[in-house]
Protein backbone atom coordinates (compact mmCIF):
# COMPACT_ATOMS: atom_id res chain seq x y z
CA LYS A 1 -147.15 72.79 -48.67
CA HIS A 2 -149.64 75.44 -49.50
CA VAL A 3 -153.24 74.21 -49.73
CA TRP A 4 -153.62 75.22 -53.30
CA ALA A 5 -150.76 73.13 -54.40
CA ARG A 6 -152.90 70.16 -53.35
CA LEU A 7 -156.21 71.08 -54.90
CA ASP A 8 -156.33 67.96 -57.02
CA ARG A 9 -155.84 65.50 -54.16
CA SER A 10 -156.41 64.97 -50.44
CA LEU A 11 -153.70 63.88 -48.09
CA ILE A 12 -155.95 61.55 -46.11
CA SER A 13 -159.47 60.27 -46.82
CA ILE A 14 -161.49 58.79 -43.91
CA GLN A 15 -164.92 57.25 -43.80
CA ALA A 16 -165.57 59.16 -40.60
CA HIS A 17 -169.29 58.71 -39.88
CA GLU A 18 -172.29 56.60 -40.78
CA ALA A 19 -174.34 59.60 -41.80
CA ALA A 20 -173.86 63.16 -43.10
CA ILE A 21 -171.17 65.31 -41.50
CA THR A 22 -172.73 68.47 -40.01
CA ASP A 23 -169.54 70.36 -39.01
CA VAL A 24 -165.77 70.12 -38.82
CA ALA A 25 -163.49 72.17 -36.56
CA PHE A 26 -159.72 72.41 -36.10
CA ALA A 27 -158.13 73.14 -32.72
CA ALA A 28 -155.83 76.10 -33.27
CA GLY A 29 -152.11 75.30 -33.35
CA THR A 30 -152.67 71.52 -33.22
CA ARG A 31 -153.48 68.66 -35.58
CA LEU A 32 -156.68 67.88 -33.60
CA VAL A 33 -159.91 67.89 -35.58
CA ALA A 34 -163.46 67.39 -34.36
CA THR A 35 -166.31 66.18 -36.59
CA ALA A 36 -170.04 66.14 -35.88
CA SER A 37 -172.58 64.06 -37.76
CA GLU A 38 -176.23 63.22 -38.21
CA ASP A 39 -175.31 59.79 -36.81
CA ARG A 40 -175.45 61.75 -33.51
CA THR A 41 -171.83 61.37 -32.63
CA ILE A 42 -168.87 63.73 -32.20
CA LYS A 43 -165.40 62.37 -33.02
CA LEU A 44 -161.87 63.63 -32.41
CA TRP A 45 -159.14 62.87 -34.98
CA ASP A 46 -155.44 63.31 -35.56
CA ALA A 47 -155.43 65.20 -38.86
CA ARG A 48 -151.89 64.10 -39.76
CA THR A 49 -152.43 60.36 -39.35
CA GLY A 50 -156.25 60.08 -39.70
CA LYS A 51 -156.31 58.18 -36.40
CA LEU A 52 -159.62 58.29 -34.46
CA LEU A 53 -158.83 59.51 -30.93
CA SER A 54 -162.23 59.38 -29.26
CA THR A 55 -165.97 59.19 -29.91
CA LEU A 56 -168.90 60.65 -28.00
CA GLY A 57 -172.38 59.28 -28.58
CA PRO A 58 -174.76 58.45 -29.90
CA LEU A 59 -176.47 61.44 -28.41
CA THR A 60 -180.24 61.80 -28.43
CA SER A 61 -180.05 64.69 -30.87
CA VAL A 62 -177.78 65.73 -33.76
CA PRO A 63 -174.73 67.89 -32.98
CA ARG A 64 -174.96 70.60 -35.66
CA PHE A 65 -172.28 73.22 -34.79
CA LEU A 66 -168.76 72.83 -33.32
CA ALA A 67 -166.22 75.31 -31.89
CA PHE A 68 -162.82 74.68 -30.24
CA HIS A 69 -161.55 76.70 -27.33
CA PRO A 70 -158.29 78.47 -28.51
CA ASP A 71 -156.15 76.18 -26.33
CA GLY A 72 -157.67 73.09 -27.89
CA GLY A 73 -158.75 71.70 -24.54
CA LEU A 74 -162.52 72.10 -24.94
CA VAL A 75 -165.01 71.77 -27.83
CA ALA A 76 -168.53 73.23 -27.72
CA ALA A 77 -171.38 71.70 -29.71
CA GLY A 78 -174.80 73.13 -30.55
CA CYS A 79 -177.37 70.29 -30.92
CA ASP A 80 -180.71 69.97 -32.61
CA SER A 81 -182.40 69.63 -29.19
CA GLY A 82 -181.44 73.27 -28.49
CA VAL A 83 -178.72 72.20 -26.03
CA VAL A 84 -175.12 73.43 -25.94
CA LEU A 85 -172.64 70.84 -24.71
CA VAL A 86 -169.01 71.72 -23.73
CA LEU A 87 -166.69 68.71 -23.82
CA ASP A 88 -163.06 68.20 -22.85
CA ARG A 89 -160.61 66.21 -24.96
CA SER A 90 -161.61 62.93 -23.32
CA HIS A 91 -165.24 63.79 -24.30
CA ARG A 92 -166.35 64.36 -20.71
CA VAL A 93 -169.16 66.93 -20.54
CA VAL A 94 -167.92 69.80 -18.39
CA ALA A 95 -170.93 72.08 -18.97
CA SER A 96 -174.29 72.10 -20.71
CA PHE A 97 -176.75 74.86 -21.35
CA THR A 98 -180.21 75.26 -22.72
CA ASP A 99 -182.29 78.31 -23.56
CA ASP A 100 -185.43 76.38 -22.65
CA GLN A 101 -185.23 77.76 -19.08
CA GLN A 102 -183.68 80.98 -17.73
CA LYS A 103 -181.17 78.87 -15.91
CA ASP A 104 -177.80 77.36 -16.75
CA VAL A 105 -177.11 73.68 -16.15
CA ASN A 106 -173.49 72.94 -15.26
CA ARG A 107 -173.35 69.19 -14.65
CA ARG A 108 -170.37 66.86 -14.46
CA SER A 109 -172.25 63.84 -15.73
CA SER A 110 -172.76 61.71 -18.81
CA PRO A 111 -173.91 63.63 -21.91
CA LEU A 112 -176.23 60.71 -22.74
CA ALA A 113 -177.91 61.01 -19.35
CA TYR A 114 -178.19 64.74 -19.69
CA GLU A 115 -179.75 64.58 -23.15
CA GLU A 116 -182.19 61.96 -22.03
CA ASP A 117 -183.24 64.12 -19.08
CA SER A 118 -183.60 67.28 -21.16
CA GLU A 119 -187.06 68.63 -21.66
CA VAL A 120 -186.12 69.50 -25.26
CA ALA A 121 -184.40 66.24 -26.14
CA THR A 122 -187.27 65.18 -28.43
CA LEU A 123 -187.05 68.32 -30.56
CA ASN A 124 -184.57 67.13 -33.12
CA ARG A 125 -184.79 69.87 -35.78
CA PRO A 126 -181.73 71.56 -37.33
CA VAL A 127 -183.30 75.03 -36.89
CA LEU A 128 -183.17 74.59 -33.11
CA ALA A 129 -179.39 73.96 -32.95
CA PRO A 130 -177.56 76.91 -31.33
CA ALA A 131 -174.55 78.40 -33.09
CA VAL A 132 -171.52 78.32 -30.83
CA GLU A 133 -168.23 80.31 -30.75
CA PHE A 134 -165.35 80.83 -28.30
CA ASP A 135 -163.73 84.21 -28.40
CA PRO A 136 -160.08 84.27 -29.61
CA THR A 137 -158.73 85.03 -26.11
CA GLY A 138 -160.51 81.99 -24.64
CA PHE A 139 -162.29 83.97 -21.93
CA GLN A 140 -165.82 83.82 -23.37
CA LEU A 141 -168.28 81.36 -24.94
CA ALA A 142 -171.18 82.65 -27.03
CA ALA A 143 -174.26 80.79 -28.28
CA GLY A 144 -176.99 82.04 -30.62
CA PHE A 145 -180.34 80.40 -29.96
CA TYR A 146 -183.57 79.69 -31.92
CA LEU A 147 -185.48 82.28 -29.94
CA GLY A 148 -183.25 84.98 -31.32
CA ASN A 149 -181.11 85.64 -28.27
CA VAL A 150 -177.38 85.38 -27.72
CA ARG A 151 -175.98 84.26 -24.37
CA LEU A 152 -172.44 84.90 -23.27
CA TRP A 153 -170.61 82.92 -20.57
CA GLU A 154 -167.31 83.83 -18.88
CA MET A 155 -164.66 81.16 -18.82
CA PRO A 156 -163.53 78.99 -17.09
CA ALA A 157 -166.45 79.12 -14.54
CA PHE A 158 -169.15 79.32 -17.30
CA ARG A 159 -170.72 82.30 -15.54
CA LEU A 160 -173.54 83.89 -17.54
CA VAL A 161 -172.58 87.49 -18.20
CA ALA A 162 -174.95 88.55 -20.97
CA ASP A 163 -178.30 87.59 -22.55
CA TRP A 164 -179.05 89.81 -25.53
CA LYS A 165 -182.01 89.85 -27.87
CA ALA A 166 -179.96 89.74 -31.03
CA GLY A 167 -182.26 88.26 -33.67
CA VAL A 168 -185.82 87.29 -34.50
CA THR A 169 -187.80 84.57 -32.70
CA GLU A 170 -187.88 81.26 -34.53
CA SER A 171 -184.67 81.92 -36.40
CA ASN A 172 -181.08 80.82 -35.68
CA THR A 173 -178.76 83.55 -34.57
CA ALA A 174 -175.35 83.48 -36.36
CA LEU A 175 -172.36 84.95 -34.56
CA ALA A 176 -168.67 85.71 -34.80
CA PHE A 177 -166.10 87.30 -32.52
CA SER A 178 -163.64 89.95 -33.67
CA PRO A 179 -159.95 88.82 -33.76
CA ASP A 180 -159.21 90.58 -30.48
CA GLY A 181 -162.32 89.16 -28.76
CA ALA A 182 -163.59 92.68 -27.89
CA SER A 183 -166.63 92.64 -30.12
CA LEU A 184 -169.30 90.10 -31.23
CA ALA A 185 -171.25 90.32 -34.47
CA THR A 186 -174.64 88.64 -34.75
CA GLY A 187 -177.11 88.01 -37.53
CA SER A 188 -180.33 86.08 -38.11
CA LEU A 189 -181.61 83.73 -40.82
CA PHE A 190 -184.87 85.71 -40.84
CA PRO A 191 -185.21 87.77 -44.02
CA GLN A 192 -184.11 91.43 -43.70
CA ALA A 193 -182.99 90.90 -40.11
CA PRO A 194 -180.19 93.34 -39.06
CA ILE A 195 -176.58 92.56 -38.23
CA ARG A 196 -175.75 93.76 -34.74
CA PHE A 197 -172.38 94.43 -33.06
CA TRP A 198 -171.97 94.06 -29.29
C-alpha cells in the first residue's frame, strides 16, 4: 500500500531504545532497518515483523548518523566521539576511522575495545559526530568531520582516496552523493558557508 494511505496509523510500533533515537536507516531492497540511540546502542530490525535481529553496545559515545551500504551488508555510524564505525550485519566492526590523526585505523576487533582505546572517546558532543554516506554504487564511503573536512575511502579495502577541506572548522560537514555516485555535494552548519560539489 502507498505510504499516504496509512498516514493515520503505523503498521508496527516498537519501544526500540531506552533513550532518544538519533537516526534510522533502511537497507535498500530489504526489510532490514538500523536504529541508533542516545542509549549508545545500534540495533538491527526486521521492518516487517518488528523483530530485533541484533544489538551493538553500549558504546562509549552516542552513534548519531547511520548509512547502509547499497547491498545491505554493512552499516556505517558517525559517533559523538568523532569516530566512524563500519559494521557488518552481525555487528562486527570491520573498519573504524577518526579524523583525530592523519591515519586510518582498520581493526578487526571489538567496537567496545576500540572506543575505550580512542583518544577522543571522552568527547561525547553531538557536534563532533561525523556525517556518513555510501555512494549508490557501493564503491565509496564518505564522512564529513567536525574540522570541516571530508574524507573518502574506496571500498572494499577502505583505502583513503581523498581528504578535502569542504567546510569550516568547528562545524559538521553535511554530504550527499549524486544518484550515479559520480559527484558529492557538501555543506556546513556554519552560517553562510558555501555548498561545494566534488
